[in-house]
Amino acid sequence: MNLITDRWLPVRRADGQQERISPVDITADLQTNPIIALDYPRPDFNGAMMQFLIGLLQTIYAPEDDEEWRERLNDPPTPELLSPVMMQVAAAFNLDGDGPRFMQDFDTTLSGESVKIASLLIEAPGEQTVKLGKDLFQKRRYVTGLCLACSAAALFTLHTNAPSGGAGHRTSLRGGGPLTTLVVPDPREKNYATLWAQLWWNMLDKSAFLSDWLGNNQEISWFPWLAATRTSKEGQTVTPADAHPAIAYWSMPRRIRLDFTTTTSGQCDLCGDLTERLLSQYITRPYGMNGAGWNHPLSPYYQDKKTGWLPTHPQPGGIAYHHWLELTLGQEEEYRPAQVIQVSRQRKSRMPKLLWAFGYDMDNMKARCWYEARLPLIDVPPEQRSLLAGLAQQMVAGADTVKSFLTKSLRNAWFSTGATVRGDFSFISQSFWASTTEGFYQSLWQFTDGVANPTIDLASLKQEISLEWRNLLATKALHLFELWATHGAVEYENPKRIAQAYHMLRRSLYGPLLKKALGLPIEEKALRMRRGERKT
């Protein structure tokens, strides 16, 4: 099987038609019935294979400059133009055979542990989990055979997201379960709501991609499986200084060889296709490629005081508007958006765009959850970005303050003073973020409309928006309090305690702490009350 010439990528067209294509065909029928999305049965495969296609185009078809990037966005290459470009590297994309194999160890006689094919899937229960009978949600033997197409997708997904896997089993270049952020056109832009546009918006021009790289710029340096494996048994690392920039897309932290000697015919347990070659196991051994110091173009980074810039990872609770600032605009010394997000702001295009964020929330080897979200990318002139960022930061600070008020008040409504309280209260936060999402973005759009109007006083507009946001937060918090505090079993409710908690919440919502968080003026009377002073 060859991943350039074979039709193995499941896609969906504008009219809903589903089919399989080769990478060469991503622009087929673009004018009449374009491909609009990948169509895997798993969201992690969709996310990973977007990165596969982005990496492929970035490696062999990067635009020379912004002008060429814009030309290919508006006038995409036909399959006839893409074919000769992709065929130049087709020999590097064999999944099986006697020579180098896609994303597999260079050692054709690799000896190691024989592992069931299901272990390519990140959420598959580990050996210890199965031994202790703790595979309660993800059962053992739920996947016993994969077709070649799903095996290729699973292999790339594992390398891209690789969590810690025990001694010597390296994590991905960005650590276990990294957060990926892509730029995608707003689906309402019908002329650009295509798979091609989604991929092309995440291209860097050659100068930005290659940067200061002066080494070999041939496929043997692009694809690590074409040369002897760079192992890490002695602590060796692969850094941007000694590896081609394309390694960011093609790194191989795991040493794996798919076992084609034991294939059988049958039905793939993921896609359901009948095949004569169903893979059931692979060979693996530890100490694959161990990356260090990389700035991956598709991931945001945060500043760690001890170790410097580190890639962001999804956390419990998911991705919501309180992450908007750090993922889209960043904060100078704390958060840095992905390189493709930064580049998209510089391009001369006013097309409405979204940020598509996704990734696994990992607890070492355990996948706790898969998260993904789409957040608006709001374009403002460079000189106004700090104003927009400042407003967003204050709005999130205010929302976070109200969330704390709400959580504390509900706990006081449910439990008596001094009671030992255990349990997961994250549902309160999640319901609060969800209920205020629309208002947050409407406020940002209102501000950007004001920025575009030279007759509007931005300081006054900012205060007006902050006041409206305070009122919205208060309304939503009181509604959620009533929903959660009074909709339980009547025999367990304490009306006096609920009333007192409600009064405390209402007083907090209109008190000085929230006003301070939102940058609103605090009246003199409120200041005296806060300081414990009395009017003389």
Protein backbone atom coordinates (compact mmCIF):
# COMPACT_ATOMS: atom_id res chain seq x y z
CA MET A 1 0.00 0.00 0.00
CA ASN A 2 1.28 3.46 -0.92
CA LEU A 3 -0.11 6.50 0.90
CA ILE A 4 0.43 8.85 -2.05
CA THR A 5 -1.06 6.81 -4.88
CA ASP A 6 -3.68 4.65 -3.13
CA ARG A 7 -7.19 5.89 -2.37
CA TRP A 8 -7.27 5.48 1.42
CA LEU A 9 -8.30 8.82 2.96
CA PRO A 10 -12.04 8.91 3.83
CA VAL A 11 -13.59 12.27 2.94
CA ARG A 12 -16.97 13.97 2.69
CA ARG A 13 -18.02 16.19 -0.20
CA ALA A 14 -20.31 19.23 -0.17
CA ASP A 15 -23.36 17.17 -1.15
CA GLY A 16 -22.73 14.65 1.66
CA GLN A 17 -21.16 12.01 -0.55
CA GLN A 18 -18.54 9.88 1.20
CA GLU A 19 -15.59 8.33 -0.60
CA ARG A 20 -11.89 7.52 -0.30
CA ILE A 21 -9.25 9.54 -2.08
CA SER A 22 -5.49 9.76 -2.41
CA PRO A 23 -3.69 12.95 -1.28
CA VAL A 24 -3.38 13.88 -4.97
CA ASP A 25 -7.18 14.18 -5.21
CA ILE A 26 -7.81 16.74 -2.44
CA THR A 27 -8.77 19.39 -5.02
CA ALA A 28 -10.79 17.11 -7.32
CA ASP A 29 -14.16 18.51 -8.46
CA LEU A 30 -13.46 21.71 -6.54
CA GLN A 31 -15.94 23.80 -8.53
CA THR A 32 -18.81 21.33 -8.71
CA ASN A 33 -18.72 19.17 -5.57
CA PRO A 34 -15.66 19.97 -3.45
CA ILE A 35 -14.27 17.89 -0.61
CA ILE A 36 -15.10 19.75 2.60
CA ALA A 37 -13.75 17.48 5.37
CA LEU A 38 -11.98 14.31 6.33
CA ASP A 39 -14.47 11.67 7.42
CA TYR A 40 -12.87 9.22 9.84
CA PRO A 41 -15.00 7.46 12.45
CA ARG A 42 -12.75 8.93 15.16
CA PRO A 43 -12.09 12.64 15.89
CA ASP A 44 -8.44 12.00 16.80
CA PHE A 45 -7.87 10.48 13.36
CA ASN A 46 -9.48 13.52 11.70
CA GLY A 47 -7.23 15.86 13.67
CA ALA A 48 -4.08 13.82 13.06
CA MET A 49 -4.66 13.32 9.35
CA MET A 50 -5.26 17.04 8.90
CA GLN A 51 -1.73 17.40 10.28
CA PHE A 52 -0.55 14.64 7.92
CA LEU A 53 -1.82 16.55 4.89
CA ILE A 54 -0.59 19.91 6.20
CA GLY A 55 2.83 18.38 6.84
CA LEU A 56 2.91 16.81 3.37
CA LEU A 57 2.06 20.09 1.61
CA GLN A 58 4.38 22.08 3.85
CA THR A 59 7.28 19.74 3.13
CA ILE A 60 6.98 19.49 -0.65
CA TYR A 61 4.68 22.30 -1.81
CA ALA A 62 5.29 25.31 0.47
CA PRO A 63 4.60 28.70 -1.18
CA GLU A 64 7.56 30.93 -1.92
CA ASP A 65 5.94 34.00 -0.40
CA ASP A 66 2.61 35.50 0.67
CA GLU A 67 1.70 36.37 -2.91
CA GLU A 68 2.04 32.76 -4.05
CA TRP A 69 0.17 31.60 -0.95
CA ARG A 70 -2.74 33.89 -1.85
CA GLU A 71 -2.74 32.76 -5.48
CA ARG A 72 -3.03 29.08 -4.50
CA LEU A 73 -5.77 29.87 -1.99
CA ASN A 74 -7.88 31.62 -4.63
CA ASP A 75 -6.88 29.36 -7.53
CA PRO A 76 -6.03 25.93 -6.07
CA PRO A 77 -3.86 23.52 -8.06
CA THR A 78 -5.68 20.76 -9.90
CA PRO A 79 -4.90 17.08 -9.20
CA GLU A 80 -2.99 17.10 -12.49
CA LEU A 81 -0.66 19.78 -11.08
CA LEU A 82 -0.35 18.16 -7.65
CA SER A 83 0.36 14.67 -8.96
CA PRO A 84 3.94 15.18 -10.26
CA VAL A 85 4.88 17.07 -7.07
CA MET A 86 3.61 14.32 -4.79
CA MET A 87 4.93 11.50 -6.95
CA GLN A 88 8.45 12.77 -6.26
CA VAL A 89 8.13 11.48 -2.67
CA ALA A 90 5.79 8.53 -3.28
CA ALA A 91 8.58 6.00 -2.65
CA ALA A 92 8.85 7.30 0.94
CA PHE A 93 5.20 6.55 1.66
CA ASN A 94 5.02 2.78 1.32
CA LEU A 95 3.21 1.31 4.31
CA ASP A 96 4.57 -2.20 3.66
CA GLY A 97 7.31 -3.79 1.57
CA ASP A 98 10.96 -4.70 1.97
CA GLY A 99 12.34 -1.14 1.91
CA PRO A 100 11.69 1.82 4.22
CA ARG A 101 8.13 1.98 5.51
CA PHE A 102 6.06 5.04 6.38
CA MET A 103 6.56 6.08 10.04
CA GLN A 104 8.17 2.71 10.88
CA ASP A 105 11.61 1.86 12.21
CA PHE A 106 14.37 1.68 9.62
CA ASP A 107 15.60 -1.65 11.01
CA THR A 108 13.84 -4.29 8.88
CA THR A 109 14.73 -7.01 11.41
CA LEU A 110 13.54 -5.03 14.43
CA SER A 111 13.25 -7.33 17.40
CA GLY A 112 11.16 -6.41 20.40
CA GLU A 113 7.81 -6.88 22.04
CA SER A 114 4.89 -8.16 19.98
CA VAL A 115 1.90 -5.96 20.76
CA LYS A 116 -1.77 -6.20 19.81
CA ILE A 117 -2.78 -3.74 17.08
CA ALA A 118 -5.28 -2.04 19.42
CA SER A 119 -2.33 -0.54 21.32
CA LEU A 120 -1.83 1.89 18.44
CA LEU A 121 -5.00 3.59 19.74
CA ILE A 122 -4.19 6.05 22.50
CA GLU A 123 -7.22 5.23 24.65
CA ALA A 124 -6.65 1.44 24.54
CA PRO A 125 -6.29 -0.07 28.04
CA GLY A 126 -2.72 -0.91 28.99
CA GLU A 127 -1.41 -4.26 30.11
CA GLN A 128 -1.64 -3.38 33.82
CA THR A 129 -5.17 -2.01 33.42
CA VAL A 130 -6.28 -5.25 31.81
CA LYS A 131 -4.48 -7.36 34.42
CA LEU A 132 -6.27 -5.56 37.26
CA GLY A 133 -9.63 -5.71 35.47
CA LYS A 134 -9.97 -1.93 35.37
CA ASP A 135 -10.89 -1.67 31.69
CA LEU A 136 -14.40 -0.51 32.58
CA PHE A 137 -15.09 1.95 29.76
CA GLN A 138 -12.55 1.06 27.08
CA LYS A 139 -12.75 -2.73 26.98
CA ARG A 140 -10.01 -5.15 26.07
CA ARG A 141 -10.35 -6.83 22.67
CA TYR A 142 -12.72 -4.16 21.34
CA VAL A 143 -10.28 -3.83 18.42
CA THR A 144 -8.53 -6.97 17.21
CA GLY A 145 -7.95 -6.19 13.52
CA LEU A 146 -7.35 -3.05 11.47
CA CYS A 147 -7.32 -2.54 7.71
CA LEU A 148 -4.20 -0.99 6.19
CA ALA A 149 -5.82 2.45 5.86
CA CYS A 150 -6.87 2.60 9.52
CA SER A 151 -3.50 1.16 10.58
CA ALA A 152 -1.70 3.98 8.75
CA ALA A 153 -3.95 6.59 10.37
CA ALA A 154 -3.53 5.01 13.81
CA LEU A 155 0.25 4.86 13.39
CA PHE A 156 0.52 8.54 12.48
CA THR A 157 -1.93 9.53 15.24
CA LEU A 158 0.14 7.70 17.85
CA HIS A 159 3.42 9.29 16.77
CA THR A 160 1.80 12.73 16.69
CA ASN A 161 0.16 12.50 20.11
CA ALA A 162 2.31 9.84 21.80
CA PRO A 163 1.83 9.81 25.58
CA SER A 164 4.36 8.37 27.99
CA GLY A 165 4.39 4.61 27.51
CA GLY A 166 6.73 3.30 30.16
CA ALA A 167 10.52 3.27 30.33
CA GLY A 168 12.05 4.41 27.03
CA HIS A 169 8.74 4.81 25.20
CA ARG A 170 9.07 8.45 24.22
CA THR A 171 6.35 11.07 24.05
CA SER A 172 5.64 13.06 20.91
CA LEU A 173 7.77 16.04 19.90
CA ARG A 174 5.28 18.21 21.83
CA GLY A 175 4.82 15.87 24.79
CA GLY A 176 1.94 13.51 25.48
CA GLY A 177 -1.36 14.67 24.01
CA PRO A 178 -0.44 18.16 22.71
CA LEU A 179 -3.00 20.82 21.90
CA THR A 180 -3.14 21.56 18.16
CA THR A 181 -4.62 24.78 16.82
CA LEU A 182 -5.42 25.25 13.12
CA VAL A 183 -6.78 28.16 11.12
CA VAL A 184 -9.91 27.21 9.17
CA PRO A 185 -12.25 29.39 7.08
CA ASP A 186 -15.67 30.12 8.51
CA PRO A 187 -17.97 27.45 6.97
CA ARG A 188 -20.36 30.21 5.92
CA GLU A 189 -17.73 31.26 3.36
CA LYS A 190 -19.02 28.76 0.81
CA ASN A 191 -16.31 29.42 -1.77
CA TYR A 192 -13.62 28.62 0.79
CA ALA A 193 -15.32 25.97 2.93
CA THR A 194 -13.18 23.26 1.34
CA LEU A 195 -10.60 20.84 2.65
CA TRP A 196 -8.00 22.55 0.48
CA ALA A 197 -8.65 25.96 2.06
CA GLN A 198 -8.54 24.43 5.55
CA LEU A 199 -5.14 22.93 4.78
CA TRP A 200 -3.73 25.91 2.90
CA TRP A 201 -4.50 28.42 5.64
CA ASN A 202 -1.98 26.51 7.77
CA MET A 203 0.90 26.81 5.32
CA LEU A 204 4.04 28.78 6.10
CA ASP A 205 6.00 30.28 3.24
CA LYS A 206 9.42 28.77 2.64
CA SER A 207 11.40 31.47 4.40
CA ALA A 208 9.34 31.11 7.59
CA PHE A 209 9.33 27.32 7.39
CA LEU A 210 13.00 26.75 6.66
CA SER A 211 14.13 29.73 8.74
CA ASP A 212 17.90 29.50 9.21
CA TRP A 213 18.21 25.83 8.19
CA LEU A 214 21.43 25.35 6.20
CA GLY A 215 21.61 21.56 6.15
CA ASN A 216 20.41 18.96 3.67
CA ASN A 217 17.08 19.85 2.05
CA GLN A 218 16.21 16.50 0.50
CA GLU A 219 13.67 13.85 1.38
CA ILE A 220 16.14 11.75 3.37
CA SER A 221 16.29 14.65 5.84
CA TRP A 222 12.54 15.29 5.71
CA PHE A 223 11.32 11.79 6.55
CA PRO A 224 13.20 10.09 9.41
CA TRP A 225 12.12 6.56 8.41
CA LEU A 226 14.35 6.78 5.32
CA ALA A 227 17.53 6.61 7.42
CA ALA A 228 18.84 4.75 10.44
CA THR A 229 16.70 5.44 13.49
CA ARG A 230 17.95 8.23 15.74
CA THR A 231 17.56 6.49 19.08
CA SER A 232 17.69 7.89 22.61
CA LYS A 233 18.93 5.03 24.81
CA GLU A 234 21.89 7.13 25.96
CA GLY A 235 19.77 10.23 26.39
CA GLN A 236 20.35 11.57 22.86
CA THR A 237 17.95 14.27 21.68
CA VAL A 238 16.96 15.62 18.27
CA THR A 239 16.89 19.41 18.19
CA PRO A 240 16.05 22.02 15.53
CA ALA A 241 19.78 22.65 15.17
CA ASP A 242 20.51 19.13 13.93
CA ALA A 243 17.32 18.15 12.09
CA HIS A 244 15.30 19.50 9.18
CA PRO A 245 12.27 21.68 10.14
CA ALA A 246 9.98 19.08 8.49
CA ILE A 247 10.74 16.73 11.41
CA ALA A 248 8.20 18.78 13.38
CA TYR A 249 5.52 17.05 11.29
CA TRP A 250 7.17 13.64 10.87
CA SER A 251 8.88 12.86 14.19
CA MET A 252 8.90 9.21 15.30
CA PRO A 253 9.09 8.88 19.10
CA ARG A 254 8.14 5.19 18.96
CA ARG A 255 10.13 2.38 17.33
CA ILE A 256 7.44 0.35 15.53
CA ARG A 257 7.22 -2.16 12.69
CA LEU A 258 3.77 -3.30 11.60
CA ASP A 259 3.61 -7.09 11.40
CA PHE A 260 2.45 -8.10 7.92
CA THR A 261 3.32 -11.80 8.44
CA THR A 262 0.16 -12.51 10.42
CA THR A 263 -2.49 -10.72 8.37
CA THR A 264 -5.89 -12.33 7.87
CA SER A 265 -9.02 -11.50 5.90
CA GLY A 266 -11.94 -9.94 7.71
CA GLN A 267 -13.72 -6.76 8.69
CA CYS A 268 -11.85 -3.75 10.09
CA ASP A 269 -12.99 -3.06 13.64
CA LEU A 270 -12.87 0.71 13.08
CA CYS A 271 -14.17 1.52 9.60
CA GLY A 272 -16.01 -1.74 8.93
CA ASP A 273 -14.39 -2.37 5.53
CA LEU A 274 -13.84 -5.95 4.40
CA THR A 275 -10.21 -6.60 3.51
CA GLU A 276 -7.86 -9.43 2.64
CA ARG A 277 -5.13 -7.92 4.83
CA LEU A 278 -6.21 -7.28 8.38
CA LEU A 279 -3.38 -6.35 10.75
CA SER A 280 -3.52 -7.80 14.26
CA GLN A 281 -0.17 -6.88 15.82
CA TYR A 282 3.07 -4.93 15.55
CA ILE A 283 6.60 -5.08 16.91
CA THR A 284 7.92 -2.33 19.16
CA ARG A 285 10.93 -1.54 21.27
CA PRO A 286 11.83 1.50 23.41
CA TYR A 287 14.12 4.50 22.91
CA GLY A 288 12.90 6.05 19.69
CA MET A 289 13.46 9.67 18.64
CA ASN A 290 13.45 12.09 21.58
CA GLY A 291 12.84 15.68 20.49
CA ALA A 292 13.90 18.76 22.46
CA GLY A 293 13.68 22.50 21.91
CA TRP A 294 11.17 22.48 19.04
CA ASN A 295 8.63 25.19 18.27
CA HIS A 296 5.92 23.26 16.47
CA PRO A 297 4.04 25.47 13.95
CA LEU A 298 0.64 24.04 14.93
CA SER A 299 0.81 24.33 18.73
CA PRO A 300 0.51 27.23 21.18
CA TYR A 301 3.15 27.60 23.90
CA TYR A 302 3.23 28.89 27.47
CA GLN A 303 6.11 30.25 29.51
CA ASP A 304 7.35 28.04 32.33
CA LYS A 305 9.54 29.95 34.80
CA LYS A 306 11.99 27.06 35.16
CA THR A 307 12.18 25.50 31.70
CA GLY A 308 11.13 28.27 29.30
CA TRP A 309 8.52 27.90 26.54
CA LEU A 310 6.54 24.63 26.59
CA PRO A 311 3.74 23.35 24.32
CA THR A 312 0.21 23.70 25.66
CA HIS A 313 -1.83 20.60 26.51
CA PRO A 314 -5.61 20.26 26.99
CA GLN A 315 -6.73 20.21 30.62
CA PRO A 316 -9.86 18.88 32.38
CA GLY A 317 -12.85 21.06 31.57
CA GLY A 318 -12.15 21.44 27.87
CA ILE A 319 -11.54 24.45 25.63
CA ALA A 320 -13.75 27.51 26.09
CA TYR A 321 -13.69 31.28 25.71
CA HIS A 322 -11.49 31.78 28.77
CA HIS A 323 -8.72 30.26 26.59
CA TRP A 324 -9.47 32.58 23.66
CA LEU A 325 -6.85 35.22 24.45
CA GLU A 326 -3.94 32.87 24.96
CA LEU A 327 -4.76 30.81 21.84
CA THR A 328 -5.47 33.67 19.42
CA LEU A 329 -3.56 36.80 20.51
CA GLY A 330 -1.35 35.52 23.30
CA GLN A 331 0.13 37.46 26.19
CA GLU A 332 3.66 38.76 25.82
CA GLU A 333 5.50 36.87 28.55
CA GLU A 334 2.97 34.15 29.32
CA TYR A 335 1.32 32.69 26.22
CA ARG A 336 2.34 32.45 22.56
CA PRO A 337 -0.16 31.37 19.88
CA ALA A 338 0.81 28.74 17.33
CA GLN A 339 2.99 30.04 14.51
CA VAL A 340 0.25 29.43 11.91
CA ILE A 341 -2.14 31.57 14.00
CA GLN A 342 0.38 34.40 14.16
CA VAL A 343 1.05 34.20 10.41
CA SER A 344 -2.68 34.20 9.59
CA ARG A 345 -3.03 37.61 11.29
CA GLN A 346 -0.34 39.05 9.01
CA ARG A 347 -1.87 37.88 5.75
CA LYS A 348 -3.80 40.37 3.66
CA SER A 349 -7.14 38.60 3.84
CA ARG A 350 -10.26 39.72 5.68
CA MET A 351 -11.93 36.34 5.26
CA PRO A 352 -13.79 35.32 8.47
CA LYS A 353 -11.78 32.54 10.08
CA LEU A 354 -12.00 30.21 13.04
CA LEU A 355 -9.43 28.63 15.28
CA TRP A 356 -9.92 24.87 15.47
CA ALA A 357 -8.34 23.55 18.68
CA PHE A 358 -8.17 19.87 19.59
CA GLY A 359 -6.21 17.30 21.51
CA TYR A 360 -6.15 14.64 24.21
CA ASP A 361 -6.26 15.44 27.90
CA MET A 362 -3.70 12.91 29.13
CA ASP A 363 -2.84 11.78 32.64
CA ASN A 364 0.52 10.18 31.86
CA MET A 365 -0.50 7.08 29.86
CA LYS A 366 -4.24 7.46 30.54
CA ALA A 367 -6.43 9.34 28.09
CA ARG A 368 -8.98 11.19 30.20
CA CYS A 369 -10.81 12.93 27.39
CA TRP A 370 -10.64 14.19 23.81
CA TYR A 371 -11.44 17.89 23.51
CA GLU A 372 -12.02 20.08 20.52
CA ALA A 373 -13.57 23.48 19.92
CA ARG A 374 -13.82 26.20 17.29
CA LEU A 375 -13.21 29.78 18.41
CA PRO A 376 -13.53 32.94 16.27
CA LEU A 377 -10.36 34.64 15.04
CA ILE A 378 -11.03 38.36 15.32
CA ASP A 379 -8.96 40.63 13.08
CA VAL A 380 -8.14 44.15 14.26
CA PRO A 381 -5.32 46.49 13.17
CA PRO A 382 -2.00 45.64 14.89
CA GLU A 383 -2.05 48.90 16.87
CA GLN A 384 -5.46 47.97 18.35
CA ARG A 385 -4.65 44.39 19.39
CA SER A 386 -3.43 45.39 22.82
CA LEU A 387 -6.76 47.14 23.47
CA LEU A 388 -8.71 44.07 22.39
CA ALA A 389 -6.44 41.81 24.45
CA GLY A 390 -6.84 44.05 27.50
CA LEU A 391 -10.64 43.95 27.23
CA ALA A 392 -10.69 40.17 26.79
CA GLN A 393 -8.36 39.72 29.76
CA GLN A 394 -10.58 41.84 32.01
CA MET A 395 -13.73 40.07 30.83
CA VAL A 396 -12.25 36.65 31.55
CA ALA A 397 -11.01 37.85 34.95
CA GLY A 398 -14.52 39.03 35.74
CA ALA A 399 -16.06 35.78 34.57
CA ASP A 400 -13.58 33.78 36.63
CA THR A 401 -14.48 35.87 39.69
CA VAL A 402 -18.19 35.22 39.17
CA LYS A 403 -17.56 31.52 38.65
CA SER A 404 -15.86 31.41 42.04
CA PHE A 405 -18.77 33.31 43.64
CA LEU A 406 -21.25 30.87 42.10
CA THR A 407 -19.36 27.73 43.13
CA LYS A 408 -18.92 28.96 46.71
CA SER A 409 -22.58 29.98 47.01
CA LEU A 410 -23.83 26.63 45.74
CA ARG A 411 -21.61 24.76 48.18
CA ASN A 412 -23.00 26.92 50.99
CA ALA A 413 -26.53 26.18 49.76
CA TRP A 414 -25.95 22.44 49.65
CA PHE A 415 -23.83 21.86 52.74
CA SER A 416 -23.83 23.11 56.30
CA THR A 417 -20.90 25.14 57.63
CA GLY A 418 -17.96 22.91 58.56
CA ALA A 419 -19.24 19.89 56.61
CA THR A 420 -16.66 17.69 54.90
CA VAL A 421 -17.31 18.13 51.19
CA ARG A 422 -15.99 15.76 48.54
CA GLY A 423 -16.83 15.39 44.89
CA ASP A 424 -16.34 16.87 41.46
CA PHE A 425 -17.91 20.30 41.06
CA SER A 426 -16.51 21.00 37.59
CA PHE A 427 -20.02 20.81 36.11
CA ILE A 428 -20.72 24.19 37.69
CA SER A 429 -17.80 25.80 35.86
CA GLN A 430 -18.66 24.10 32.58
CA SER A 431 -22.30 25.18 32.70
CA PHE A 432 -21.23 28.73 33.56
CA TRP A 433 -18.70 28.98 30.71
CA ALA A 434 -21.25 27.54 28.26
CA SER A 435 -24.02 29.94 29.29
CA THR A 436 -21.83 33.05 28.89
CA THR A 437 -19.97 32.11 25.70
CA GLU A 438 -22.22 33.90 23.25
CA GLY A 439 -22.18 37.11 25.30
CA PHE A 440 -18.37 37.09 25.47
CA TYR A 441 -17.90 36.99 21.71
CA GLN A 442 -20.69 39.48 21.09
CA SER A 443 -18.88 41.90 23.40
CA LEU A 444 -15.61 41.46 21.51
CA TRP A 445 -17.33 42.03 18.17
CA GLN A 446 -18.99 45.14 19.59
CA PHE A 447 -15.58 46.46 20.58
CA THR A 448 -14.01 45.73 17.18
CA ASP A 449 -16.89 47.55 15.48
CA GLY A 450 -16.09 50.51 17.72
CA VAL A 451 -12.40 50.32 16.83
CA ALA A 452 -13.34 50.68 13.17
CA ASN A 453 -15.32 53.86 13.92
CA PRO A 454 -12.99 56.86 14.48
CA THR A 455 -15.78 58.92 16.10
CA ILE A 456 -16.23 56.54 19.05
CA ASP A 457 -14.38 57.09 22.32
CA LEU A 458 -12.86 53.67 22.98
CA ALA A 459 -12.41 54.23 26.73
CA SER A 460 -16.12 54.95 27.12
CA LEU A 461 -17.02 52.02 24.87
CA LYS A 462 -14.83 49.68 26.91
CA GLN A 463 -16.51 50.77 30.15
CA GLU A 464 -19.96 50.35 28.59
CA ILE A 465 -19.11 46.83 27.41
CA SER A 466 -17.66 45.92 30.82
CA LEU A 467 -20.83 47.10 32.56
CA GLU A 468 -23.05 45.12 30.19
CA TRP A 469 -20.79 42.08 30.69
CA ARG A 470 -21.10 42.45 34.49
CA ASN A 471 -24.88 42.47 34.19
CA LEU A 472 -24.86 39.43 31.92
CA LEU A 473 -22.56 37.51 34.29
CA ALA A 474 -24.79 38.36 37.22
CA THR A 475 -27.95 37.28 35.39
CA LYS A 476 -26.45 33.96 34.28
CA ALA A 477 -24.96 33.23 37.71
CA LEU A 478 -28.26 33.84 39.51
CA HIS A 479 -30.08 31.67 36.96
CA LEU A 480 -27.59 28.82 37.41
CA PHE A 481 -27.82 29.15 41.18
CA GLU A 482 -31.58 28.72 41.04
CA LEU A 483 -31.20 25.82 38.63
CA TRP A 484 -28.71 23.87 40.71
CA ALA A 485 -29.71 24.87 44.25
CA THR A 486 -33.46 24.28 44.09
CA HIS A 487 -33.91 21.40 41.65
CA GLY A 488 -32.86 18.55 43.92
CA ALA A 489 -34.90 16.32 46.17
CA VAL A 490 -37.07 18.58 48.37
CA GLU A 491 -36.45 16.52 51.51
CA TYR A 492 -32.74 17.28 51.31
CA GLU A 493 -33.03 21.03 50.72
CA ASN A 494 -32.58 23.62 53.44
CA PRO A 495 -34.58 26.73 52.42
CA LYS A 496 -32.89 29.00 54.96
CA ARG A 497 -29.42 27.97 53.85
CA ILE A 498 -30.36 28.40 50.16
CA ALA A 499 -31.78 31.89 50.82
CA GLN A 500 -28.67 32.96 52.71
CA ALA A 501 -26.40 31.63 49.95
CA TYR A 502 -28.48 33.40 47.31
CA HIS A 503 -28.26 36.69 49.21
CA MET A 504 -24.49 36.29 49.56
CA LEU A 505 -24.14 35.59 45.82
CA ARG A 506 -26.26 38.58 44.82
CA ARG A 507 -24.30 40.90 47.12
CA SER A 508 -21.00 39.63 45.69
CA LEU A 509 -22.16 40.05 42.10
CA TYR A 510 -22.79 43.75 42.61
CA GLY A 511 -19.90 44.35 44.98
CA PRO A 512 -16.46 45.93 44.55
CA LEU A 513 -14.46 42.73 43.85
CA LEU A 514 -16.17 42.11 40.52
CA LYS A 515 -16.02 45.78 39.56
CA LYS A 516 -12.31 45.80 40.24
CA ALA A 517 -11.79 42.67 38.11
CA LEU A 518 -13.67 44.32 35.24
CA GLY A 519 -11.94 47.67 35.57
CA LEU A 520 -15.17 49.43 36.53
CA PRO A 521 -15.12 52.41 38.93
CA ILE A 522 -15.83 51.56 42.57
CA GLU A 523 -18.09 54.10 44.26
CA GLU A 524 -16.76 55.91 47.33
CA LYS A 525 -19.44 54.36 49.56
CA ALA A 526 -18.51 50.87 48.42
CA LEU A 527 -14.85 51.59 49.10
CA ARG A 528 -15.61 52.70 52.68
CA MET A 529 -17.71 49.60 53.29
CA ARG A 530 -14.93 47.42 51.94
CA ARG A 531 -12.40 49.05 54.27
CA GLY A 532 -14.72 48.75 57.25
CA GLU A 533 -14.98 52.55 57.62
CA ARG A 534 -18.06 54.34 58.89
CA LYS A 535 -19.48 57.55 57.60
CA THR A 536 -18.89 60.34 60.17
